[in-house]
């Protein structure tokens, strides 16, 4: 259970920083630490029920990609859920906010993988939990937008509950949820597929409809099994990701993959946890830059660029498999550096050989000059003696 906190220890801000199912979220200070506090007003029995559900679920969850609960408090009229504060906002704000942030396919897949890890964990608990409201608004970013955590468990339920009431956000709901069939983990998979499509298009789901803001039009599209347009997906999206999106959004829940399978697929094919870009200086004029990418076919590649002062740069591209990337990059740079060092050694050796030969030649020349001088001297003396003999005769 969540730790009970004395309400007097909380310093609540008036500023609302968000809203979720059942209550507004405010910034607060608790024990000199900035936190987020979700406030539940118990005027409605449904809100009280959702609050208890969210507090119970979050108190039992311990995962790096799920928002962390600090405790709970009450003033007698309202209940307060104390959570860690992630100041970078939601994935929805990142996609559609005024800052117009740019992101790569690799980053989008990184977010998707982290969400998949969290959902696979929730679905594998002793009492499996279905979130029921997977969408970018419930993904909070941190670590300079590199990582995310799932929040808002007000609609979450354990899978032994046999829930059939229509709950969630319509744009992300599975067809069976709309038809009041039993909620299962495959409902989360469908919502995940919708969100992955959104990451690869930067468009709201069903924004292609003639009346995209009509709840009835969206409801009709989902109920009839209308597909989201795959032609809207960005051009550099790998074929494997496109296929995954379509599998997750299959109208038949049984044909959708499990979150564990999705986690495994994304982890094996696209995870870059140990594949970090790096720079290696080779000498005063050359730097090697190693980066990792996913090409249009879905294959992972490594690029090594050699940036050279006053000379054209050189690029080499290598196919890589799973976690061999970092080792391959380091090997290429190490061997290149070794080759450069060997070349430098050969140049120095040639310079020394030239210097040695020049010195030897100079020494030999000096010796030959002395010898020639001595020979000239001897011949001169001999000639003088011969002339002297002739003069005496």
Protein backbone atom coordinates (compact mmCIF):
# COMPACT_ATOMS: atom_id res chain seq x y z
CA UNK A 1 0.00 0.00 0.00
CA UNK A 2 1.03 3.62 -0.56
CA UNK A 3 2.68 5.37 2.38
CA UNK A 4 0.26 7.60 4.31
CA UNK A 5 1.56 11.17 4.44
CA UNK A 6 0.44 13.97 6.77
CA UNK A 7 -1.44 16.50 4.61
CA UNK A 8 0.19 19.35 6.58
CA UNK A 9 3.57 18.35 5.10
CA UNK A 10 2.32 19.13 1.60
CA UNK A 11 2.82 22.57 0.04
CA UNK A 12 0.44 22.61 -2.92
CA UNK A 13 0.83 25.02 -5.81
CA UNK A 14 -2.24 26.68 -7.30
CA UNK A 15 -0.98 25.93 -10.80
CA UNK A 16 -2.56 22.92 -12.50
CA UNK A 17 0.06 21.04 -14.52
CA UNK A 18 -2.17 18.31 -15.88
CA UNK A 19 -5.36 16.32 -15.58
CA UNK A 20 -6.14 12.64 -15.64
CA UNK A 21 -9.06 10.34 -15.08
CA UNK A 22 -10.67 11.41 -11.82
CA UNK A 23 -8.75 14.55 -10.94
CA UNK A 24 -6.45 17.47 -11.65
CA UNK A 25 -2.68 17.29 -11.14
CA UNK A 26 -0.80 20.06 -9.34
CA UNK A 27 2.82 20.69 -8.59
CA UNK A 28 3.76 20.55 -4.89
CA UNK A 29 6.67 20.43 -2.47
CA UNK A 30 7.12 17.58 -0.04
CA UNK A 31 10.16 17.28 2.21
CA UNK A 32 12.06 19.84 0.06
CA UNK A 33 11.34 17.78 -3.06
CA UNK A 34 9.28 18.86 -6.08
CA UNK A 35 6.49 16.36 -6.71
CA UNK A 36 3.24 16.01 -8.65
CA UNK A 37 0.00 15.57 -6.74
CA UNK A 38 -3.22 14.22 -8.20
CA UNK A 39 -6.26 15.53 -6.37
CA UNK A 40 -9.41 13.40 -6.15
CA UNK A 41 -12.70 15.07 -5.25
CA UNK A 42 -15.01 12.46 -3.75
CA UNK A 43 -18.28 14.17 -4.71
CA UNK A 44 -18.89 11.30 -7.11
CA UNK A 45 -18.72 7.64 -6.13
CA UNK A 46 -17.13 6.79 -9.50
CA UNK A 47 -14.24 9.18 -8.84
CA UNK A 48 -13.67 7.68 -5.40
CA UNK A 49 -13.65 4.20 -6.91
CA UNK A 50 -11.19 5.25 -9.64
CA UNK A 51 -8.96 6.95 -7.07
CA UNK A 52 -8.75 3.84 -4.91
CA UNK A 53 -8.05 1.74 -7.98
CA UNK A 54 -5.25 4.03 -9.19
CA UNK A 55 -3.62 4.31 -5.76
CA UNK A 56 -3.81 0.54 -5.26
CA UNK A 57 -2.36 -0.30 -8.68
CA UNK A 58 0.45 2.24 -8.62
CA UNK A 59 1.42 1.22 -5.09
CA UNK A 60 1.96 -2.35 -6.27
CA UNK A 61 3.94 -1.45 -9.42
CA UNK A 62 7.71 -1.09 -9.51
CA UNK A 63 9.00 -0.49 -13.03
CA UNK A 64 11.40 2.04 -14.53
CA UNK A 65 8.85 3.06 -17.17
CA UNK A 66 5.87 3.50 -14.84
CA UNK A 67 5.41 6.68 -12.77
CA UNK A 68 6.62 6.21 -9.19
CA UNK A 69 4.26 6.76 -6.24
CA UNK A 70 5.63 8.54 -3.17
CA UNK A 71 2.55 8.24 -0.96
CA UNK A 72 -0.99 9.40 -0.31
CA UNK A 73 -2.63 12.03 1.88
CA UNK A 74 -6.12 13.21 2.78
CA UNK A 75 -7.67 16.36 4.23
CA UNK A 76 -10.97 14.63 4.99
CA UNK A 77 -12.71 15.91 1.88
CA UNK A 78 -10.26 15.05 -0.84
CA UNK A 79 -7.62 12.40 -1.38
CA UNK A 80 -4.15 13.19 -2.74
CA UNK A 81 -1.85 10.89 -4.68
CA UNK A 82 1.82 11.93 -4.39
CA UNK A 83 3.96 11.02 -7.41
CA UNK A 84 7.36 11.85 -8.82
CA UNK A 85 7.41 15.03 -10.91
CA UNK A 86 8.62 14.82 -14.51
CA UNK A 87 8.94 18.38 -15.73
CA UNK A 88 9.32 17.71 -19.47
CA UNK A 89 5.60 17.08 -19.95
CA UNK A 90 3.70 14.49 -21.95
CA UNK A 91 4.50 12.84 -25.26
CA UNK A 92 1.34 14.51 -26.62
CA UNK A 93 2.71 17.97 -25.79
CA UNK A 94 6.02 17.00 -27.41
CA UNK A 95 4.25 15.98 -30.63
CA UNK A 96 1.83 18.88 -30.93
CA UNK A 97 3.23 21.67 -28.73
CA UNK A 98 4.45 25.07 -29.89
CA UNK A 99 8.12 24.04 -29.79
CA UNK A 100 7.74 21.78 -32.85
CA UNK A 101 10.39 19.34 -31.66
CA UNK A 102 11.94 17.13 -34.32
CA UNK A 103 12.61 13.44 -33.67
CA UNK A 104 14.02 10.49 -35.57
CA UNK A 105 12.47 7.10 -36.26
CA UNK A 106 15.02 5.66 -33.83
CA UNK A 107 13.74 7.93 -31.05
CA UNK A 108 10.11 7.07 -31.80
CA UNK A 109 10.95 3.38 -31.62
CA UNK A 110 12.83 3.96 -28.36
CA UNK A 111 9.68 5.45 -26.81
CA UNK A 112 7.57 2.60 -28.20
CA UNK A 113 9.95 0.01 -26.77
CA UNK A 114 9.86 1.59 -23.32
CA UNK A 115 6.07 1.64 -23.36
CA UNK A 116 6.05 -1.99 -24.52
CA UNK A 117 8.36 -2.99 -21.66
CA UNK A 118 6.05 -1.38 -19.10
CA UNK A 119 2.90 -2.94 -20.57
CA UNK A 120 4.52 -6.37 -20.86
CA UNK A 121 5.41 -6.06 -17.16
CA UNK A 122 1.83 -5.05 -16.20
CA UNK A 123 0.31 -7.89 -18.23
CA UNK A 124 2.66 -10.45 -16.63
CA UNK A 125 1.91 -9.67 -12.96
CA UNK A 126 0.34 -12.32 -10.73
CA UNK A 127 -2.83 -10.25 -11.05
CA UNK A 128 -2.30 -8.89 -14.58
CA UNK A 129 -3.24 -5.23 -15.08
CA UNK A 130 -4.79 -3.74 -18.22
CA UNK A 131 -4.17 0.00 -18.42
CA UNK A 132 -7.17 0.75 -20.71
CA UNK A 133 -6.04 4.26 -21.63
CA UNK A 134 -2.77 4.03 -23.57
CA UNK A 135 -2.19 7.29 -25.46
CA UNK A 136 0.52 9.98 -25.76
CA UNK A 137 -1.16 12.12 -23.05
CA UNK A 138 -0.39 9.35 -20.55
CA UNK A 139 3.28 9.06 -21.48
CA UNK A 140 5.45 11.44 -19.45
CA UNK A 141 8.91 12.33 -20.78
CA UNK A 142 12.16 12.87 -18.91
CA UNK A 143 15.94 12.65 -19.40
CA UNK A 144 15.88 15.33 -22.13
CA UNK A 145 12.92 13.65 -23.85
CA UNK A 146 14.87 10.40 -24.28
CA UNK A 147 12.77 8.28 -21.90
CA UNK A 148 9.13 7.95 -20.87
CA UNK A 149 6.96 6.66 -18.05
CA UNK A 150 3.33 5.58 -18.19
CA UNK A 151 0.96 7.45 -15.87
CA UNK A 152 -2.78 7.71 -15.07
CA UNK A 153 -3.97 4.33 -13.85
CA UNK A 154 -7.46 5.59 -12.93
CA UNK A 155 -9.07 3.35 -15.53
CA UNK A 156 -6.72 0.39 -15.09
CA UNK A 157 -8.19 -2.91 -14.00
CA UNK A 158 -6.90 -6.38 -13.30
CA UNK A 159 -7.79 -8.98 -15.89
CA UNK A 160 -9.72 -11.12 -13.40
CA UNK A 161 -12.34 -8.35 -13.21
CA UNK A 162 -14.20 -9.22 -16.44
CA UNK A 163 -14.74 -5.50 -17.15
CA UNK A 164 -17.15 -4.77 -20.01
CA UNK A 165 -17.95 -1.06 -19.53
CA UNK A 166 -16.66 1.24 -22.30
CA UNK A 167 -13.77 3.16 -20.75
CA UNK A 168 -10.79 4.96 -22.25
CA UNK A 169 -10.18 7.55 -24.95
CA UNK A 170 -12.24 6.86 -28.06
CA UNK A 171 -9.49 7.48 -30.66
CA UNK A 172 -7.34 4.76 -29.09
CA UNK A 173 -10.00 2.21 -28.18
CA UNK A 174 -10.15 -1.31 -29.57
CA UNK A 175 -13.32 -2.34 -31.48
CA UNK A 176 -14.19 -4.98 -28.86
CA UNK A 177 -14.02 -2.37 -26.09
CA UNK A 178 -16.56 -0.23 -27.93
CA UNK A 179 -18.83 -3.24 -28.32
CA UNK A 180 -18.77 -3.77 -24.53
CA UNK A 181 -16.94 -7.05 -24.78
CA UNK A 182 -14.48 -8.11 -22.09
CA UNK A 183 -11.38 -5.99 -21.67
CA UNK A 184 -8.19 -7.98 -22.18
CA UNK A 185 -4.49 -7.23 -22.60
CA UNK A 186 -5.13 -7.20 -26.35
CA UNK A 187 -7.08 -3.94 -25.86
CA UNK A 188 -3.84 -2.33 -24.67
CA UNK A 189 -2.05 -3.84 -27.68
CA UNK A 190 -4.56 -2.20 -30.04
CA UNK A 191 -4.13 1.19 -28.32
CA UNK A 192 -0.35 0.74 -28.49
CA UNK A 193 -0.63 0.17 -32.26
CA UNK A 194 -2.68 3.35 -32.66
CA UNK A 195 -0.08 5.31 -30.68
CA UNK A 196 2.78 3.82 -32.71
CA UNK A 197 0.98 4.91 -35.91
CA UNK A 198 0.68 8.39 -34.39
CA UNK A 199 4.42 8.47 -33.63
CA UNK A 200 5.17 7.57 -37.25
CA UNK A 201 2.75 10.14 -38.73
CA UNK A 202 2.59 12.94 -36.16
CA UNK A 203 -1.15 13.03 -36.80
CA UNK A 204 -4.08 12.48 -34.47
CA UNK A 205 -5.75 9.11 -35.08
CA UNK A 206 -8.75 9.43 -37.43
CA UNK A 207 -7.79 12.96 -38.44
CA UNK A 208 -8.25 11.73 -42.02
CA UNK A 209 -12.02 11.47 -41.55
CA UNK A 210 -14.29 14.03 -43.20
CA UNK A 211 -15.38 15.16 -39.74
CA UNK A 212 -12.38 14.24 -37.55
CA UNK A 213 -13.74 15.92 -34.40
CA UNK A 214 -17.03 14.05 -34.44
CA UNK A 215 -17.20 11.35 -31.77
CA UNK A 216 -19.90 9.63 -33.79
CA UNK A 217 -17.72 9.56 -36.94
CA UNK A 218 -14.80 8.09 -34.99
CA UNK A 219 -17.05 5.56 -33.26
CA UNK A 220 -18.47 4.47 -36.62
CA UNK A 221 -14.98 4.14 -38.15
CA UNK A 222 -13.71 1.96 -35.30
CA UNK A 223 -16.84 -0.20 -35.15
CA UNK A 224 -16.70 -0.87 -38.88
CA UNK A 225 -13.03 -1.85 -38.71
CA UNK A 226 -11.79 1.11 -40.76
CA UNK A 227 -7.98 1.15 -40.89
CA UNK A 228 -5.78 4.15 -40.25
CA UNK A 229 -4.06 5.22 -43.52
CA UNK A 230 -0.58 3.67 -43.71
CA UNK A 231 0.35 6.02 -46.58
CA UNK A 232 0.50 8.79 -43.97
CA UNK A 233 3.45 7.10 -42.24
CA UNK A 234 6.77 8.94 -42.64
CA UNK A 235 8.90 7.80 -45.55
CA UNK A 236 11.83 6.62 -43.42
CA UNK A 237 9.67 4.33 -41.27
CA UNK A 238 11.06 0.76 -41.59
CA UNK A 239 8.86 -1.89 -43.19
CA UNK A 240 9.00 -3.94 -39.99
CA UNK A 241 7.45 -1.12 -37.95
CA UNK A 242 4.68 -0.67 -40.51
CA UNK A 243 3.93 -4.37 -40.28
CA UNK A 244 3.90 -4.21 -36.48
CA UNK A 245 1.40 -1.32 -36.52
CA UNK A 246 -0.96 -3.29 -38.75
CA UNK A 247 -0.65 -6.43 -36.61
CA UNK A 248 -1.44 -4.50 -33.42
CA UNK A 249 -4.53 -2.93 -35.04
CA UNK A 250 -5.94 -6.22 -36.33
CA UNK A 251 -9.69 -6.24 -35.76
CA UNK A 252 -9.40 -9.80 -34.40
CA UNK A 253 -7.83 -9.63 -30.90
CA UNK A 254 -6.51 -13.18 -31.21
CA UNK A 255 -4.35 -12.18 -34.19
CA UNK A 256 -2.65 -9.33 -32.35
CA UNK A 257 0.76 -10.01 -30.81
CA UNK A 258 1.23 -9.94 -27.06
CA UNK A 259 3.12 -7.04 -25.47
CA UNK A 260 5.87 -9.51 -24.56
CA UNK A 261 6.26 -10.40 -28.23
CA UNK A 262 6.28 -6.72 -29.17
CA UNK A 263 8.90 -5.97 -26.54
CA UNK A 264 11.07 -8.82 -27.80
CA UNK A 265 10.72 -7.77 -31.44
CA UNK A 266 11.56 -4.11 -30.81
CA UNK A 267 14.34 -5.06 -28.42
CA UNK A 268 16.03 -7.45 -30.83
CA UNK A 269 15.69 -5.33 -33.93
CA UNK A 270 15.87 -1.75 -32.79
CA UNK A 271 17.08 -1.34 -29.22
CA UNK A 272 20.11 0.97 -29.04
CA UNK A 273 20.74 0.72 -25.32
CA UNK A 274 24.42 -0.20 -25.69
CA UNK A 275 24.83 1.17 -29.21
CA UNK A 276 25.88 4.70 -28.35
CA UNK A 277 27.19 7.12 -30.95
CA UNK A 278 30.75 8.14 -30.18
CA UNK A 279 33.65 10.23 -31.49
CA UNK A 280 37.27 9.07 -31.60
CA UNK A 281 40.11 11.52 -32.45
CA UNK A 282 42.75 9.72 -34.58
CA UNK A 283 45.36 12.47 -34.94
CA UNK A 284 45.60 16.26 -35.05
CA UNK A 285 43.72 16.43 -38.37
CA UNK A 286 41.34 13.42 -38.33
CA UNK A 287 38.30 12.48 -36.20
CA UNK A 288 36.20 9.31 -36.56
CA UNK A 289 32.46 9.70 -35.88
CA UNK A 290 30.51 6.44 -35.33
CA UNK A 291 26.69 6.54 -35.53
CA UNK A 292 23.96 3.87 -35.62
CA UNK A 293 20.87 3.93 -37.85
CA UNK A 294 17.94 1.88 -39.18
CA UNK A 295 17.69 1.91 -42.97
CA UNK A 296 14.48 1.91 -45.01
CA UNK A 297 14.37 -1.90 -45.11
CA UNK A 298 14.48 -2.14 -41.32
CA UNK A 299 18.10 -3.35 -41.17
CA UNK A 300 20.44 -1.79 -38.63
CA UNK A 301 23.60 -0.19 -39.95
CA UNK A 302 26.65 1.55 -38.55
CA UNK A 303 28.24 4.55 -40.24
CA UNK A 304 31.83 5.59 -39.68
CA UNK A 305 32.66 9.08 -40.93
CA UNK A 306 36.26 10.28 -41.02
CA UNK A 307 36.36 14.06 -40.79
CA UNK A 308 39.70 15.38 -42.04
CA UNK A 309 41.10 18.91 -41.87
CA UNK A 310 41.33 20.53 -45.33
CA UNK A 311 40.52 17.18 -46.99
CA UNK A 312 37.22 15.55 -48.11
CA UNK A 313 35.51 13.42 -45.46
CA UNK A 314 35.17 9.65 -45.92
CA UNK A 315 32.10 7.53 -45.00
CA UNK A 316 31.97 3.77 -44.52
CA UNK A 317 28.73 1.83 -43.86
CA UNK A 318 28.50 -1.60 -42.20
CA UNK A 319 25.47 -3.87 -41.59
CA UNK A 320 25.20 -4.87 -37.93
CA UNK A 321 23.35 -7.55 -36.01
CA UNK A 322 21.67 -6.95 -32.67
CA UNK A 323 24.17 -5.98 -29.98
CA UNK A 324 27.32 -6.38 -32.06
CA UNK A 325 27.06 -2.70 -32.96
CA UNK A 326 29.16 -1.15 -30.22
CA UNK A 327 31.89 -3.79 -30.51
CA UNK A 328 31.98 -3.39 -34.29
CA UNK A 329 32.24 0.39 -34.05
CA UNK A 330 35.02 0.25 -31.52
CA UNK A 331 36.87 -2.38 -33.58
CA UNK A 332 36.67 -0.32 -36.77
CA UNK A 333 37.93 2.80 -35.05
CA UNK A 334 40.63 0.86 -33.18
CA UNK A 335 41.90 -0.80 -36.36
CA UNK A 336 41.72 2.48 -38.26
CA UNK A 337 43.66 4.21 -35.52
CA UNK A 338 46.18 1.36 -35.53
CA UNK A 339 46.55 1.63 -39.31
CA UNK A 340 47.03 5.36 -38.97
CA UNK A 341 49.65 4.81 -36.26
CA UNK A 342 51.38 2.15 -38.40
CA UNK A 343 51.41 4.57 -41.33
CA UNK A 344 52.85 7.28 -39.15
CA UNK A 345 55.51 4.87 -37.89
CA UNK A 346 56.41 3.97 -41.50
CA UNK A 347 56.76 7.64 -42.38
CA UNK A 348 59.00 8.24 -39.37
CA UNK A 349 61.06 5.14 -40.24
CA UNK A 350 61.47 6.34 -43.84
CA UNK A 351 62.53 9.77 -42.61
CA UNK A 352 65.14 8.20 -40.32
CA UNK A 353 66.38 5.93 -43.13
CA UNK A 354 66.69 8.93 -45.46
CA UNK A 355 68.50 10.92 -42.79
CA UNK A 356 70.83 7.98 -42.15
CA UNK A 357 71.56 7.48 -45.84
CA UNK A 358 72.11 11.19 -46.37
CA UNK A 359 74.51 11.30 -43.43
CA UNK A 360 76.31 8.21 -44.73
CA UNK A 361 76.52 9.70 -48.21
CA UNK A 362 77.83 12.96 -46.83
CA UNK A 363 80.40 11.09 -44.73
CA UNK A 364 81.44 8.98 -47.73
CA UNK A 365 81.66 12.09 -49.86
CA UNK A 366 83.84 13.79 -47.32
CA UNK A 367 86.08 10.72 -47.13
CA UNK A 368 86.36 10.53 -50.90
CA UNK A 369 87.13 14.25 -51.05
CA UNK A 370 89.95 13.82 -48.50
CA UNK A 371 91.24 10.79 -50.37
CA UNK A 372 91.13 12.69 -53.68
CA UNK A 373 92.93 15.61 -52.02
CA UNK A 374 95.59 13.30 -50.69
CA UNK A 375 96.01 11.69 -54.14
CA UNK A 376 96.33 15.11 -55.80
CA UNK A 377 98.94 16.08 -53.21
CA UNK A 378 100.95 12.92 -53.81
CA UNK A 379 100.79 13.32 -57.59
CA UNK A 380 101.82 16.97 -57.29
CA UNK A 381 104.89 16.06 -55.20
CA UNK A 382 105.83 13.30 -57.65
CA UNK A 383 105.51 15.67 -60.60
CA UNK A 384 107.66 18.31 -58.88
CA UNK A 385 110.39 15.70 -58.21
CA UNK A 386 110.39 14.63 -61.87
CA UNK A 387 110.69 18.23 -63.06
CA UNK A 388 113.56 18.85 -60.60
CA UNK A 389 115.48 15.84 -61.95
CA UNK A 390 115.11 17.09 -65.48
CA UNK A 391 116.32 20.60 -64.59
CA UNK A 392 119.48 19.21 -62.89
CA UNK A 393 120.30 17.13 -65.99
